[in-house]
C-alpha atoms as a PDB file:
ATOM      1  CA  MET A   1      12.433  -8.556  -4.158  1.00  0.00           C
ATOM      2  CA  HIS A   2       9.900  -5.655  -4.043  1.00  0.00           C
ATOM      3  CA  ILE A   3      10.417  -2.024  -4.547  1.00  0.00           C
ATOM      4  CA  ARG A   4       7.612   0.460  -4.718  1.00  0.00           C
ATOM      5  CA  PRO A   5       7.124   2.374  -7.848  1.00  0.00           C
ATOM      6  CA  LEU A   6       6.519   5.764  -6.152  1.00  0.00           C
ATOM      7  CA  HIS A   7      10.006   5.826  -4.690  1.00  0.00           C
ATOM      8  CA  ARG A   8      12.267   4.018  -7.174  1.00  0.00           C
ATOM      9  CA  THR A   9      12.573   4.344 -10.963  1.00  0.00           C
ATOM     10  CA  TRP A  10      10.080   2.363 -13.230  1.00  0.00           C
ATOM     11  CA  ALA A  11      12.991   0.342 -14.592  1.00  0.00           C
ATOM     12  CA  VAL A  12      13.623  -1.017 -11.009  1.00  0.00           C
ATOM     13  CA  CYS A  13      10.258  -1.414 -10.220  1.00  0.00           C
ATOM     14  CA  ALA A  14       9.592  -3.720 -13.410  1.00  0.00           C
ATOM     15  CA  VAL A  15      12.280  -6.090 -11.844  1.00  0.00           C
ATOM     16  CA  ALA A  16      10.189  -6.308  -8.793  1.00  0.00           C
ATOM     17  CA  LEU A  17       7.216  -6.844 -10.636  1.00  0.00           C
ATOM     18  CA  THR A  18       8.292  -9.714 -13.090  1.00  0.00           C
ATOM     19  CA  THR A  19       9.670 -11.555 -10.218  1.00  0.00           C
ATOM     20  CA  ALA A  20       6.279 -11.461  -8.656  1.00  0.00           C
ATOM     21  CA  GLY A  21       4.597 -13.163 -11.714  1.00  0.00           C
ATOM     22  CA  LEU A  22       1.057 -12.101 -13.081  1.00  0.00           C
ATOM     23  CA  LEU A  23      -2.285 -13.872 -12.392  1.00  0.00           C
ATOM     24  CA  THR A  24      -4.120 -15.221 -15.456  1.00  0.00           C
ATOM     25  CA  ALA A  25      -7.040 -12.910 -16.163  1.00  0.00           C
ATOM     26  CA  CYS A  26     -10.565 -14.678 -15.494  1.00  0.00           C
ATOM     27  CA  SER A  27     -13.372 -15.012 -18.082  1.00  0.00           C
ATOM     28  CA  ASN A  28     -15.566 -12.323 -19.056  1.00  0.00           C
ATOM     29  CA  SER A  29     -18.384 -14.185 -17.742  1.00  0.00           C
ATOM     30  CA  SER A  30     -16.775 -14.008 -14.202  1.00  0.00           C
ATOM     31  CA  ALA A  31     -16.340 -10.278 -14.575  1.00  0.00           C
ATOM     32  CA  ASP A  32     -19.972 -10.026 -15.664  1.00  0.00           C
ATOM     33  CA  GLU A  33     -20.983 -11.681 -12.358  1.00  0.00           C
ATOM     34  CA  ALA A  34     -18.999  -9.049 -10.350  1.00  0.00           C
ATOM     35  CA  SER A  35     -21.268  -6.462  -8.902  1.00  0.00           C
ATOM     36  CA  PRO A  36     -22.035  -4.511  -5.635  1.00  0.00           C
ATOM     37  CA  THR A  37     -22.545  -7.100  -2.979  1.00  0.00           C
ATOM     38  CA  ALA A  38     -26.196  -7.483  -1.322  1.00  0.00           C
ATOM     39  CA  GLY A  39     -26.979  -4.368   1.130  1.00  0.00           C
ATOM     40  CA  ALA A  40     -23.889  -2.471  -0.416  1.00  0.00           C
ATOM     41  CA  SER A  41     -26.317   0.168  -2.102  1.00  0.00           C
ATOM     42  CA  SER A  42     -25.249   3.807  -2.209  1.00  0.00           C
ATOM     43  CA  ASP A  43     -26.926   7.054  -1.367  1.00  0.00           C
ATOM     44  CA  SER A  44     -28.615   7.679  -4.532  1.00  0.00           C
ATOM     45  CA  ALA A  45     -29.002  11.329  -3.050  1.00  0.00           C
ATOM     46  CA  ALA A  46     -25.163  11.685  -3.360  1.00  0.00           C
ATOM     47  CA  PHE A  47     -25.326  11.750  -7.300  1.00  0.00           C
ATOM     48  CA  PRO A  48     -24.094  13.560  -9.378  1.00  0.00           C
ATOM     49  CA  VAL A  49     -20.730  13.823  -7.383  1.00  0.00           C
ATOM     50  CA  THR A  50     -18.010  15.673  -8.307  1.00  0.00           C
ATOM     51  CA  ILE A  51     -14.429  14.678  -7.203  1.00  0.00           C
ATOM     52  CA  GLU A  52     -11.391  17.434  -7.620  1.00  0.00           C
ATOM     53  CA  HIS A  53      -7.989  15.959  -8.477  1.00  0.00           C
ATOM     54  CA  ALA A  54      -4.669  16.713 -10.236  1.00  0.00           C
ATOM     55  CA  PHE A  55      -6.264  16.909 -13.752  1.00  0.00           C
ATOM     56  CA  GLY A  56      -9.553  18.962 -12.742  1.00  0.00           C
ATOM     57  CA  GLU A  57     -12.540  17.353 -11.583  1.00  0.00           C
ATOM     58  CA  THR A  58     -14.595  14.155 -12.381  1.00  0.00           C
ATOM     59  CA  VAL A  59     -18.187  14.027 -12.309  1.00  0.00           C
ATOM     60  CA  VAL A  60     -19.818  10.649 -11.498  1.00  0.00           C
ATOM     61  CA  PRO A  61     -23.608  11.082 -12.597  1.00  0.00           C
ATOM     62  CA  GLU A  62     -25.218   8.226 -10.742  1.00  0.00           C
ATOM     63  CA  GLU A  63     -24.174   5.041  -8.765  1.00  0.00           C
ATOM     64  CA  PRO A  64     -21.538   3.234 -10.482  1.00  0.00           C
ATOM     65  CA  THR A  65     -22.094  -0.475 -10.625  1.00  0.00           C
ATOM     66  CA  ARG A  66     -19.141  -1.578 -13.024  1.00  0.00           C
ATOM     67  CA  ILE A  67     -15.970  -0.530 -11.353  1.00  0.00           C
ATOM     68  CA  VAL A  68     -12.453  -0.955 -12.722  1.00  0.00           C
ATOM     69  CA  VAL A  69      -9.499  -0.344 -10.317  1.00  0.00           C
ATOM     70  CA  ALA A  70      -6.583   0.662 -12.558  1.00  0.00           C
ATOM     71  CA  GLY A  71      -4.254   1.590  -9.715  1.00  0.00           C
ATOM     72  CA  TYR A  72      -2.348  -0.858  -7.512  1.00  0.00           C
ATOM     73  CA  THR A  73      -4.178  -0.714  -4.230  1.00  0.00           C
ATOM     74  CA  GLU A  74      -7.604   0.858  -4.372  1.00  0.00           C
ATOM     75  CA  GLN A  75      -9.230  -2.351  -4.480  1.00  0.00           C
ATOM     76  CA  ASP A  76      -8.965  -2.704  -0.765  1.00  0.00           C
ATOM     77  CA  THR A  77     -10.975   0.511  -0.267  1.00  0.00           C
ATOM     78  CA  VAL A  78     -13.691  -0.397  -2.901  1.00  0.00           C
ATOM     79  CA  LEU A  79     -14.052  -4.032  -1.188  1.00  0.00           C
ATOM     80  CA  ALA A  80     -14.304  -2.380   2.232  1.00  0.00           C
ATOM     81  CA  LEU A  81     -17.235  -0.359   1.069  1.00  0.00           C
ATOM     82  CA  GLY A  82     -18.972  -3.555   0.084  1.00  0.00           C
ATOM     83  CA  VAL A  83     -18.639  -3.260  -3.729  1.00  0.00           C
ATOM     84  CA  ILE A  84     -17.035  -5.626  -5.949  1.00  0.00           C
ATOM     85  CA  PRO A  85     -14.937  -4.265  -8.834  1.00  0.00           C
ATOM     86  CA  VAL A  86     -15.211  -5.821 -12.201  1.00  0.00           C
ATOM     87  CA  GLY A  87     -11.605  -5.404 -12.707  1.00  0.00           C
ATOM     88  CA  VAL A  88      -8.607  -5.016 -10.466  1.00  0.00           C
ATOM     89  CA  THR A  89      -4.947  -4.420 -11.257  1.00  0.00           C
ATOM     90  CA  GLU A  90      -1.932  -6.551 -10.103  1.00  0.00           C
ATOM     91  CA  TRP A  91       0.838  -5.114  -8.421  1.00  0.00           C
ATOM     92  CA  TYR A  92       2.763  -7.824  -6.831  1.00  0.00           C
ATOM     93  CA  GLY A  93       2.702 -10.718  -4.676  1.00  0.00           C
ATOM     94  CA  ASP A  94       0.796 -13.342  -6.906  1.00  0.00           C
ATOM     95  CA  GLN A  95      -2.213 -13.076  -4.755  1.00  0.00           C
ATOM     96  CA  PRO A  96      -5.645 -14.476  -5.974  1.00  0.00           C
ATOM     97  CA  PHE A  97      -7.163 -11.913  -8.114  1.00  0.00           C
ATOM     98  CA  ALA A  98      -4.826  -9.240  -7.089  1.00  0.00           C
ATOM     99  CA  THR A  99      -6.571  -9.579  -3.531  1.00  0.00           C
ATOM    100  CA  TRP A 100      -4.462 -10.058  -0.418  1.00  0.00           C
ATOM    101  CA  PRO A 101      -5.682 -12.210   2.526  1.00  0.00           C
ATOM    102  CA  TRP A 102      -6.504  -9.091   4.393  1.00  0.00           C
ATOM    103  CA  ALA A 103      -9.208  -8.320   1.704  1.00  0.00           C
ATOM    104  CA  GLN A 104     -10.132 -12.044   0.656  1.00  0.00           C
ATOM    105  CA  ALA A 105     -13.186 -12.276   2.836  1.00  0.00           C
ATOM    106  CA  ALA A 106     -14.491  -9.032   1.276  1.00  0.00           C
ATOM    107  CA  LEU A 107     -13.944 -10.366  -2.172  1.00  0.00           C
ATOM    108  CA  GLY A 108     -15.629 -13.766  -1.436  1.00  0.00           C
ATOM    109  CA  ASP A 109     -16.120 -15.932  -4.457  1.00  0.00           C
ATOM    110  CA  VAL A 110     -16.304 -13.342  -7.195  1.00  0.00           C
ATOM    111  CA  GLU A 111     -13.476 -13.382  -9.810  1.00  0.00           C
ATOM    112  CA  PRO A 112     -12.848  -9.958 -11.169  1.00  0.00           C
ATOM    113  CA  GLU A 113     -10.844  -9.502 -14.194  1.00  0.00           C
ATOM    114  CA  VAL A 114      -7.041  -8.853 -13.384  1.00  0.00           C
ATOM    115  CA  LEU A 115      -5.049  -6.384 -15.280  1.00  0.00           C
ATOM    116  CA  SER A 116      -1.518  -5.548 -15.707  1.00  0.00           C
ATOM    117  CA  ASN A 117       0.179  -1.886 -15.834  1.00  0.00           C
ATOM    118  CA  ASP A 118       3.589  -3.280 -16.601  1.00  0.00           C
ATOM    119  CA  ASP A 119       3.592  -2.035 -20.214  1.00  0.00           C
ATOM    120  CA  GLY A 120       0.968   0.810 -19.634  1.00  0.00           C
ATOM    121  CA  PHE A 121      -2.934   0.649 -19.072  1.00  0.00           C
ATOM    122  CA  GLU A 122      -4.454  -2.313 -20.952  1.00  0.00           C
ATOM    123  CA  THR A 123      -7.107   0.105 -22.264  1.00  0.00           C
ATOM    124  CA  GLU A 124      -8.849  -2.388 -24.398  1.00  0.00           C
ATOM    125  CA  LYS A 125      -9.304  -4.941 -21.720  1.00  0.00           C
ATOM    126  CA  ILE A 126     -10.616  -1.944 -19.398  1.00  0.00           C
ATOM    127  CA  ALA A 127     -13.049  -0.801 -22.278  1.00  0.00           C
ATOM    128  CA  ALA A 128     -14.208  -4.350 -22.709  1.00  0.00           C
ATOM    129  CA  LEU A 129     -15.305  -4.341 -19.003  1.00  0.00           C
ATOM    130  CA  GLU A 130     -17.667  -1.491 -19.824  1.00  0.00           C
ATOM    131  CA  PRO A 131     -16.878   0.297 -16.596  1.00  0.00           C
ATOM    132  CA  ASP A 132     -19.067   3.237 -15.352  1.00  0.00           C
ATOM    133  CA  LEU A 133     -16.373   4.346 -13.142  1.00  0.00           C
ATOM    134  CA  ILE A 134     -12.299   3.784 -13.302  1.00  0.00           C
ATOM    135  CA  ILE A 135     -10.453   4.362  -9.929  1.00  0.00           C
ATOM    136  CA  ALA A 136      -6.660   5.247 -10.709  1.00  0.00           C
ATOM    137  CA  THR A 137      -5.638   7.385  -7.573  1.00  0.00           C
ATOM    138  CA  ASN A 138      -2.696   5.166  -7.213  1.00  0.00           C
ATOM    139  CA  ALA A 139      -1.720   4.475 -10.736  1.00  0.00           C
ATOM    140  CA  GLY A 140       0.926   7.212 -11.726  1.00  0.00           C
ATOM    141  CA  LEU A 141      -1.648   9.068 -13.993  1.00  0.00           C
ATOM    142  CA  THR A 142      -0.195  11.650 -16.434  1.00  0.00           C
ATOM    143  CA  ALA A 143      -2.494  14.139 -18.144  1.00  0.00           C
ATOM    144  CA  ASP A 144      -2.395  11.902 -21.256  1.00  0.00           C
ATOM    145  CA  THR A 145      -3.180   8.589 -19.547  1.00  0.00           C
ATOM    146  CA  TYR A 146      -5.828  10.382 -17.565  1.00  0.00           C
ATOM    147  CA  ASP A 147      -7.477  11.506 -20.842  1.00  0.00           C
ATOM    148  CA  THR A 148      -7.264   8.034 -22.289  1.00  0.00           C
ATOM    149  CA  LEU A 149      -9.048   6.337 -19.320  1.00  0.00           C
ATOM    150  CA  SER A 150     -11.526   9.317 -19.197  1.00  0.00           C
ATOM    151  CA  ASP A 151     -12.616   8.635 -22.820  1.00  0.00           C
ATOM    152  CA  ILE A 152     -13.665   5.251 -21.558  1.00  0.00           C
ATOM    153  CA  ALA A 153     -15.527   6.201 -18.367  1.00  0.00           C
ATOM    154  CA  PRO A 154     -15.324   8.865 -15.544  1.00  0.00           C
ATOM    155  CA  THR A 155     -11.872   8.392 -14.015  1.00  0.00           C
ATOM    156  CA  LEU A 156     -10.628   9.232 -10.615  1.00  0.00           C
ATOM    157  CA  ALA A 157      -7.044  10.605 -10.411  1.00  0.00           C
ATOM    158  CA  GLN A 158      -4.474  11.394  -7.664  1.00  0.00           C
ATOM    159  CA  SER A 159      -4.949  14.867  -6.002  1.00  0.00           C
ATOM    160  CA  ASP A 160      -1.730  16.393  -7.304  1.00  0.00           C
ATOM    161  CA  ALA A 161       1.364  15.618  -9.181  1.00  0.00           C
ATOM    162  CA  ALA A 162       3.420  14.980  -6.273  1.00  0.00           C
ATOM    163  CA  THR A 163       1.125  11.987  -5.133  1.00  0.00           C
ATOM    164  CA  ALA A 164       1.166  10.024  -8.570  1.00  0.00           C
ATOM    165  CA  TYR A 165       1.539   7.203  -6.261  1.00  0.00           C
ATOM    166  CA  PHE A 166       0.693   6.299  -2.684  1.00  0.00           C
ATOM    167  CA  GLU A 167      -0.935   9.748  -1.705  1.00  0.00           C
ATOM    168  CA  PRO A 168      -2.155   9.421   1.986  1.00  0.00           C
ATOM    169  CA  TRP A 169      -4.579   6.575   2.495  1.00  0.00           C
ATOM    170  CA  ASP A 170      -7.192   8.504   4.011  1.00  0.00           C
ATOM    171  CA  ILE A 171      -7.414  10.923   1.101  1.00  0.00           C
ATOM    172  CA  GLN A 172      -7.707   8.319  -1.422  1.00  0.00           C
ATOM    173  CA  ALA A 173     -10.333   6.429   0.620  1.00  0.00           C
ATOM    174  CA  ASP A 174     -12.241   9.895   0.905  1.00  0.00           C
ATOM    175  CA  LYS A 175     -12.303  10.330  -2.789  1.00  0.00           C
ATOM    176  CA  ILE A 176     -13.183   6.770  -3.581  1.00  0.00           C
ATOM    177  CA  GLY A 177     -15.926   6.788  -0.913  1.00  0.00           C
ATOM    178  CA  ARG A 178     -17.506   9.665  -2.301  1.00  0.00           C
ATOM    179  CA  ALA A 179     -17.338   8.765  -5.787  1.00  0.00           C
ATOM    180  CA  LEU A 180     -19.235   5.596  -4.703  1.00  0.00           C
ATOM    181  CA  GLY A 181     -22.068   7.590  -2.775  1.00  0.00           C
ATOM    182  CA  LYS A 182     -20.607   6.302   0.321  1.00  0.00           C
ATOM    183  CA  LYS A 183     -19.486   9.261   2.357  1.00  0.00           C
ATOM    184  CA  THR A 184     -20.770   8.248   5.564  1.00  0.00           C
ATOM    185  CA  GLU A 185     -19.504   4.600   5.269  1.00  0.00           C
ATOM    186  CA  VAL A 186     -16.038   5.911   4.371  1.00  0.00           C
ATOM    187  CA  ASP A 187     -15.817   8.286   7.043  1.00  0.00           C
ATOM    188  CA  ALA A 188     -16.655   5.590   9.469  1.00  0.00           C
ATOM    189  CA  LEU A 189     -13.841   3.377   7.998  1.00  0.00           C
ATOM    190  CA  ILE A 190     -11.261   5.970   8.302  1.00  0.00           C
ATOM    191  CA  ASP A 191     -12.338   6.902  11.810  1.00  0.00           C
ATOM    192  CA  GLY A 192     -12.039   3.249  12.747  1.00  0.00           C
ATOM    193  CA  VAL A 193      -8.581   2.894  11.488  1.00  0.00           C
ATOM    194  CA  ASN A 194      -7.522   5.954  13.228  1.00  0.00           C
ATOM    195  CA  GLN A 195      -9.258   4.746  16.548  1.00  0.00           C
ATOM    196  CA  LYS A 196      -7.369   1.402  16.150  1.00  0.00           C
ATOM    197  CA  PHE A 197      -4.206   3.264  15.969  1.00  0.00           C
ATOM    198  CA  ALA A 198      -4.894   5.413  19.037  1.00  0.00           C
ATOM    199  CA  ASP A 199      -6.011   2.292  21.150  1.00  0.00           C
ATOM    200  CA  ALA A 200      -2.627   0.489  20.039  1.00  0.00           C
ATOM    201  CA  ALA A 201      -0.684   3.480  21.084  1.00  0.00           C
ATOM    202  CA  ALA A 202      -2.433   3.708  24.501  1.00  0.00           C
ATOM    203  CA  ALA A 203      -1.943   0.215  25.213  1.00  0.00           C
ATOM    204  CA  HIS A 204       1.931   0.608  24.576  1.00  0.00           C
ATOM    205  CA  PRO A 205       2.944   3.770  26.206  1.00  0.00           C
ATOM    206  CA  GLU A 206       6.537   2.362  25.986  1.00  0.00           C
ATOM    207  CA  PHE A 207       6.386   2.882  22.206  1.00  0.00           C
ATOM    208  CA  ALA A 208       6.259   6.885  22.622  1.00  0.00           C
ATOM    209  CA  GLY A 209       9.420   8.411  21.669  1.00  0.00           C
ATOM    210  CA  LYS A 210      11.207   5.317  20.677  1.00  0.00           C
ATOM    211  CA  LYS A 211      13.294   5.416  17.362  1.00  0.00           C
ATOM    212  CA  ALA A 212      12.235   3.095  14.818  1.00  0.00           C
ATOM    213  CA  ILE A 213      13.362   2.598  11.084  1.00  0.00           C
ATOM    214  CA  PHE A 214      11.623   0.508   8.710  1.00  0.00           C
ATOM    215  CA  LEU A 215      13.724  -1.009   5.832  1.00  0.00           C
ATOM    216  CA  GLN A 216      13.254  -3.171   2.868  1.00  0.00           C
ATOM    217  CA  ASN A 217      13.803  -6.855   2.720  1.00  0.00           C
ATOM    218  CA  ALA A 218      17.517  -6.827   1.497  1.00  0.00           C
ATOM    219  CA  PHE A 219      20.614  -5.011   0.393  1.00  0.00           C
ATOM    220  CA  TYR A 220      20.220  -3.784  -3.116  1.00  0.00           C
ATOM    221  CA  GLU A 221      23.446  -3.031  -5.040  1.00  0.00           C
ATOM    222  CA  GLY A 222      25.418  -2.874  -1.888  1.00  0.00           C
ATOM    223  CA  LYS A 223      22.661  -0.419  -0.221  1.00  0.00           C
ATOM    224  CA  ALA A 224      20.041  -0.786   2.365  1.00  0.00           C
ATOM    225  CA  ILE A 225      16.730   0.995   1.681  1.00  0.00           C
ATOM    226  CA  ALA A 226      15.075   2.764   4.548  1.00  0.00           C
ATOM    227  CA  TYR A 227      12.137   5.113   4.862  1.00  0.00           C
ATOM    228  CA  GLN A 228      12.576   8.382   6.077  1.00  0.00           C
ATOM    229  CA  ASP A 229       9.897  10.397   8.278  1.00  0.00           C
ATOM    230  CA  GLY A 230       6.677  11.024   6.179  1.00  0.00           C
ATOM    231  CA  LEU A 231       7.376   8.378   3.557  1.00  0.00           C
ATOM    232  CA  SER A 232       5.172   5.522   4.319  1.00  0.00           C
ATOM    233  CA  THR A 233       5.867   5.639   7.928  1.00  0.00           C
ATOM    234  CA  ASP A 234       2.691   6.654   9.629  1.00  0.00           C
ATOM    235  CA  PHE A 235       2.171   3.033  10.533  1.00  0.00           C
ATOM    236  CA  LEU A 236       5.114   3.568  12.997  1.00  0.00           C
ATOM    237  CA  THR A 237       4.485   7.371  14.067  1.00  0.00           C
ATOM    238  CA  GLU A 238       0.768   6.720  14.867  1.00  0.00           C
ATOM    239  CA  LEU A 239       2.042   4.167  17.323  1.00  0.00           C
ATOM    240  CA  GLY A 240       4.186   6.565  19.027  1.00  0.00           C
ATOM    241  CA  PHE A 241       7.594   6.048  17.417  1.00  0.00           C
ATOM    242  CA  VAL A 242       9.915   8.591  16.158  1.00  0.00           C
ATOM    243  CA  ILE A 243      11.873   8.234  12.721  1.00  0.00           C
ATOM    244  CA  PRO A 244      15.335   9.585  13.348  1.00  0.00           C
ATOM    245  CA  ASP A 245      16.408  11.998  10.975  1.00  0.00           C
ATOM    246  CA  ASP A 246      20.000  10.641  10.792  1.00  0.00           C
ATOM    247  CA  ILE A 247      19.053   8.716   7.669  1.00  0.00           C
ATOM    248  CA  ASP A 248      17.977  11.919   5.908  1.00  0.00           C
ATOM    249  CA  ALA A 249      21.392  12.440   4.722  1.00  0.00           C
ATOM    250  CA  TYR A 250      20.797   9.541   2.324  1.00  0.00           C
ATOM    251  CA  VAL A 251      17.491  10.685   0.879  1.00  0.00           C
ATOM    252  CA  PRO A 252      17.656  12.115  -2.793  1.00  0.00           C
ATOM    253  CA  ALA A 253      17.572  15.842  -2.884  1.00  0.00           C
ATOM    254  CA  ASP A 254      13.998  16.101  -3.967  1.00  0.00           C
ATOM    255  CA  GLY A 255      12.792  13.848  -1.020  1.00  0.00           C
ATOM    256  CA  SER A 256      10.755  11.603  -3.476  1.00  0.00           C
ATOM    257  CA  ALA A 257      12.578   8.265  -2.685  1.00  0.00           C
ATOM    258  CA  GLN A 258      13.523   6.409   0.184  1.00  0.00           C
ATOM    259  CA  ALA A 259      16.910   6.749   1.977  1.00  0.00           C
ATOM    260  CA  SER A 260      19.522   4.614   0.113  1.00  0.00           C
ATOM    261  CA  ILE A 261      22.315   3.840   2.672  1.00  0.00           C
ATOM    262  CA  PRO A 262      25.673   2.379   1.433  1.00  0.00           C
ATOM    263  CA  LEU A 263      26.817  -0.566   3.327  1.00  0.00           C
ATOM    264  CA  GLU A 264      29.969   1.402   4.553  1.00  0.00           C
ATOM    265  CA  ASN A 265      27.583   3.887   6.337  1.00  0.00           C
ATOM    266  CA  LEU A 266      25.212   1.315   7.804  1.00  0.00           C
ATOM    267  CA  SER A 267      26.094   2.304  11.153  1.00  0.00           C
ATOM    268  CA  VAL A 268      23.618   5.167  10.768  1.00  0.00           C
ATOM    269  CA  LEU A 269      20.945   2.666  11.692  1.00  0.00           C
ATOM    270  CA  ASN A 270      22.394   2.757  15.285  1.00  0.00           C
ATOM    271  CA  ALA A 271      20.220   5.830  15.811  1.00  0.00           C
ATOM    272  CA  ALA A 272      17.239   3.610  15.860  1.00  0.00           C
ATOM    273  CA  ASP A 273      15.958   1.780  19.150  1.00  0.00           C
ATOM    274  CA  VAL A 274      14.357  -0.978  16.724  1.00  0.00           C
ATOM    275  CA  LEU A 275      14.813  -1.961  13.204  1.00  0.00           C
ATOM    276  CA  ILE A 276      11.830  -3.291  11.224  1.00  0.00           C
ATOM    277  CA  TRP A 277      12.825  -5.253   8.342  1.00  0.00           C
ATOM    278  CA  GLY A 278      10.143  -5.942   5.551  1.00  0.00           C
ATOM    279  CA  THR A 279      11.406  -9.400   5.035  1.00  0.00           C
ATOM    280  CA  GLU A 280       9.102 -11.467   2.848  1.00  0.00           C
ATOM    281  CA  GLU A 281      10.664 -15.001   2.998  1.00  0.00           C
ATOM    282  CA  PRO A 282      12.972 -16.740   5.548  1.00  0.00           C
ATOM    283  CA  GLY A 283      15.957 -16.484   3.297  1.00  0.00           C
ATOM    284  CA  ASP A 284      15.780 -12.738   3.492  1.00  0.00           C
ATOM    285  CA  ARG A 285      17.012 -12.528   6.947  1.00  0.00           C
ATOM    286  CA  THR A 286      19.737 -15.215   6.276  1.00  0.00           C
ATOM    287  CA  GLU A 287      20.985 -12.929   3.363  1.00  0.00           C
ATOM    288  CA  LEU A 288      21.018  -9.832   5.717  1.00  0.00           C
ATOM    289  CA  GLU A 289      23.167 -11.719   8.133  1.00  0.00           C
ATOM    290  CA  LYS A 290      25.902 -12.619   5.664  1.00  0.00           C
ATOM    291  CA  GLU A 291      26.913  -8.941   5.730  1.00  0.00           C
ATOM    292  CA  ALA A 292      29.423  -8.313   8.696  1.00  0.00           C
ATOM    293  CA  VAL A 293      28.189  -4.733   8.787  1.00  0.00           C
ATOM    294  CA  TYR A 294      24.865  -5.838   9.641  1.00  0.00           C
ATOM    295  CA  GLY A 295      25.997  -7.937  12.371  1.00  0.00           C
ATOM    296  CA  ALA A 296      27.952  -5.178  13.936  1.00  0.00           C
ATOM    297  CA  LEU A 297      24.710  -2.868  14.163  1.00  0.00           C
ATOM    298  CA  GLU A 298      23.821  -2.105  17.808  1.00  0.00           C
ATOM    299  CA  PRO A 299      19.993  -3.079  17.308  1.00  0.00           C
ATOM    300  CA  VAL A 300      21.195  -6.301  15.747  1.00  0.00           C
ATOM    301  CA  GLN A 301      23.446  -7.055  19.032  1.00  0.00           C
ATOM    302  CA  ASP A 302      20.778  -5.824  21.194  1.00  0.00           C
ATOM    303  CA  GLY A 303      18.094  -8.158  19.557  1.00  0.00           C
ATOM    304  CA  THR A 304      15.954  -4.997  18.909  1.00  0.00           C
ATOM    305  CA  LEU A 305      14.635  -6.419  15.622  1.00  0.00           C
ATOM    306  CA  VAL A 306      11.424  -7.261  13.877  1.00  0.00           C
ATOM    307  CA  PHE A 307      11.269  -9.242  10.754  1.00  0.00           C
ATOM    308  CA  THR A 308       8.053  -9.482   8.743  1.00  0.00           C
ATOM    309  CA  ASP A 309       6.677 -12.122   6.820  1.00  0.00           C
ATOM    310  CA  GLY A 310       5.551 -11.503   3.158  1.00  0.00           C
ATOM    311  CA  VAL A 311       1.830 -10.698   3.934  1.00  0.00           C
ATOM    312  CA  THR A 312       2.695  -8.144   6.750  1.00  0.00           C
ATOM    313  CA  ALA A 313       5.186  -6.578   4.514  1.00  0.00           C
ATOM    314  CA  GLY A 314       2.551  -6.463   1.698  1.00  0.00           C
ATOM    315  CA  ALA A 315       0.179  -4.826   4.296  1.00  0.00           C
ATOM    316  CA  ILE A 316       2.520  -2.265   5.211  1.00  0.00           C
ATOM    317  CA  TYR A 317       3.203  -1.181   1.528  1.00  0.00           C
ATOM    318  CA  PHE A 318      -0.563  -1.521   0.687  1.00  0.00           C
ATOM    319  CA  THR A 319      -1.495   1.105   3.538  1.00  0.00           C
ATOM    320  CA  SER A 320      -5.169   0.925   3.134  1.00  0.00           C
ATOM    321  CA  VAL A 321      -8.261   0.937   5.101  1.00  0.00           C
ATOM    322  CA  LEU A 322      -8.191  -2.745   5.125  1.00  0.00           C
ATOM    323  CA  SER A 323      -4.457  -3.489   5.381  1.00  0.00           C
ATOM    324  CA  LEU A 324      -3.390  -1.163   8.244  1.00  0.00           C
ATOM    325  CA  PRO A 325      -5.531  -3.050  10.900  1.00  0.00           C
ATOM    326  CA  TYR A 326      -3.911  -6.071   9.790  1.00  0.00           C
ATOM    327  CA  VAL A 327      -0.418  -4.441  10.183  1.00  0.00           C
ATOM    328  CA  ILE A 328      -1.572  -3.136  13.812  1.00  0.00           C
ATOM    329  CA  ASP A 329      -2.716  -6.643  15.001  1.00  0.00           C
ATOM    330  CA  ARG A 330       0.694  -8.347  13.717  1.00  0.00           C
ATOM    331  CA  LEU A 331       3.271  -5.596  14.149  1.00  0.00           C
ATOM    332  CA  THR A 332       2.286  -4.275  17.790  1.00  0.00           C
ATOM    333  CA  PRO A 333       3.151  -7.434  19.744  1.00  0.00           C
ATOM    334  CA  ALA A 334       6.232  -7.938  17.627  1.00  0.00           C
ATOM    335  CA  LEU A 335       7.362  -4.216  18.443  1.00  0.00           C
ATOM    336  CA  ASP A 336       6.617  -4.955  22.179  1.00  0.00           C
ATOM    337  CA  GLN A 337       8.738  -8.217  22.043  1.00  0.00           C
ATOM    338  CA  ALA A 338      11.638  -6.407  20.113  1.00  0.00           C
ATOM    339  CA  LEU A 339      11.896  -3.529  22.549  1.00  0.00           C
ATOM    340  CA  GLY A 340      12.428  -6.226  25.298  1.00  0.00           C
ATOM    341  CA  GLY A 341      15.508  -7.382  23.578  1.00  0.00           C
ATOM    342  CA  THR A 342      14.076 -10.316  21.738  1.00  0.00           C
ATOM    343  CA  PRO A 343      14.040 -10.365  18.162  1.00  0.00           C
ATOM    344  CA  ALA A 344      10.652 -10.818  16.781  1.00  0.00           C
ATOM    345  CA  THR A 345       9.695 -12.774  13.554  1.00  0.00           C
ATOM    346  CA  ILE A 346       6.108 -12.298  12.481  1.00  0.00           C
ATOM    347  CA  THR A 347       4.744 -15.442  10.780  1.00  0.00           C
ATOM    348  CA  GLY A 348       1.284 -16.168   9.031  1.00  0.00           C
END
């Protein structure tokens, strides 16, 4: 089970995280070996650099070489820029060194310290890593926790209070790239992802205007969890799909959480031409099919369904410069198949 902390209460999120299990932190000697990879030098002329955020601004005085990722997903951008952090934070998934398959090649054989935010930031462990930059753009920082981390090292925070978790991936990437003195490189990464979306959309004009709904992998407490337009659905709209507003009636008034659709109202999903279920293991689909209201859905009867595997679901949730290309490569053919009336199951 996996629920993203941005859109659900921390109490629910804690259940998801405990089911994932935490990795054992590696030795300090491994962390000491972590450093920017060969050929990954920054533009020294970029420093000092000032990054604005929700709590003011952070000045990075010189090229950082010991970077701690205190948020859930920022290691992807750091790695994509050719830099190896000395510390990373486990979100979920029990991946080696909190690094998913789409980023493993960039990590290589280095073993950064793995931190946990389950009970708050592990400030003593972070301080022991002697960072010269802490990246926490996706960490739910408050003013107090920002101050605490800033006492250790310059700290990057989210852009504003409304994006304490999962602000747009390109905004996060831009801040991280500038803080590392790699503005040119991060711009190229962002442009590359956008171009990949554009190419995929051009190759599949049949996606344009089709209605799609992305849902989590299970029914929780008698409800389906669906993502409304603008809430982690760019991976669909960039391909040309439209998120039907029929599900908006089940979104909390403040719009901060996903649509929570009671099973008795599940027929609202008939507004979609295709349903994408963020299934993470084979048993997830079996559990969905146990509900009669699920079987009665028009997309289910028409076969216009996509079921992800755990890694693809994780890539969707990560929404980073490294995970989004992975999503496009695996999801695009599956969507093509599903729109033809044959359910698609993404594997490996």
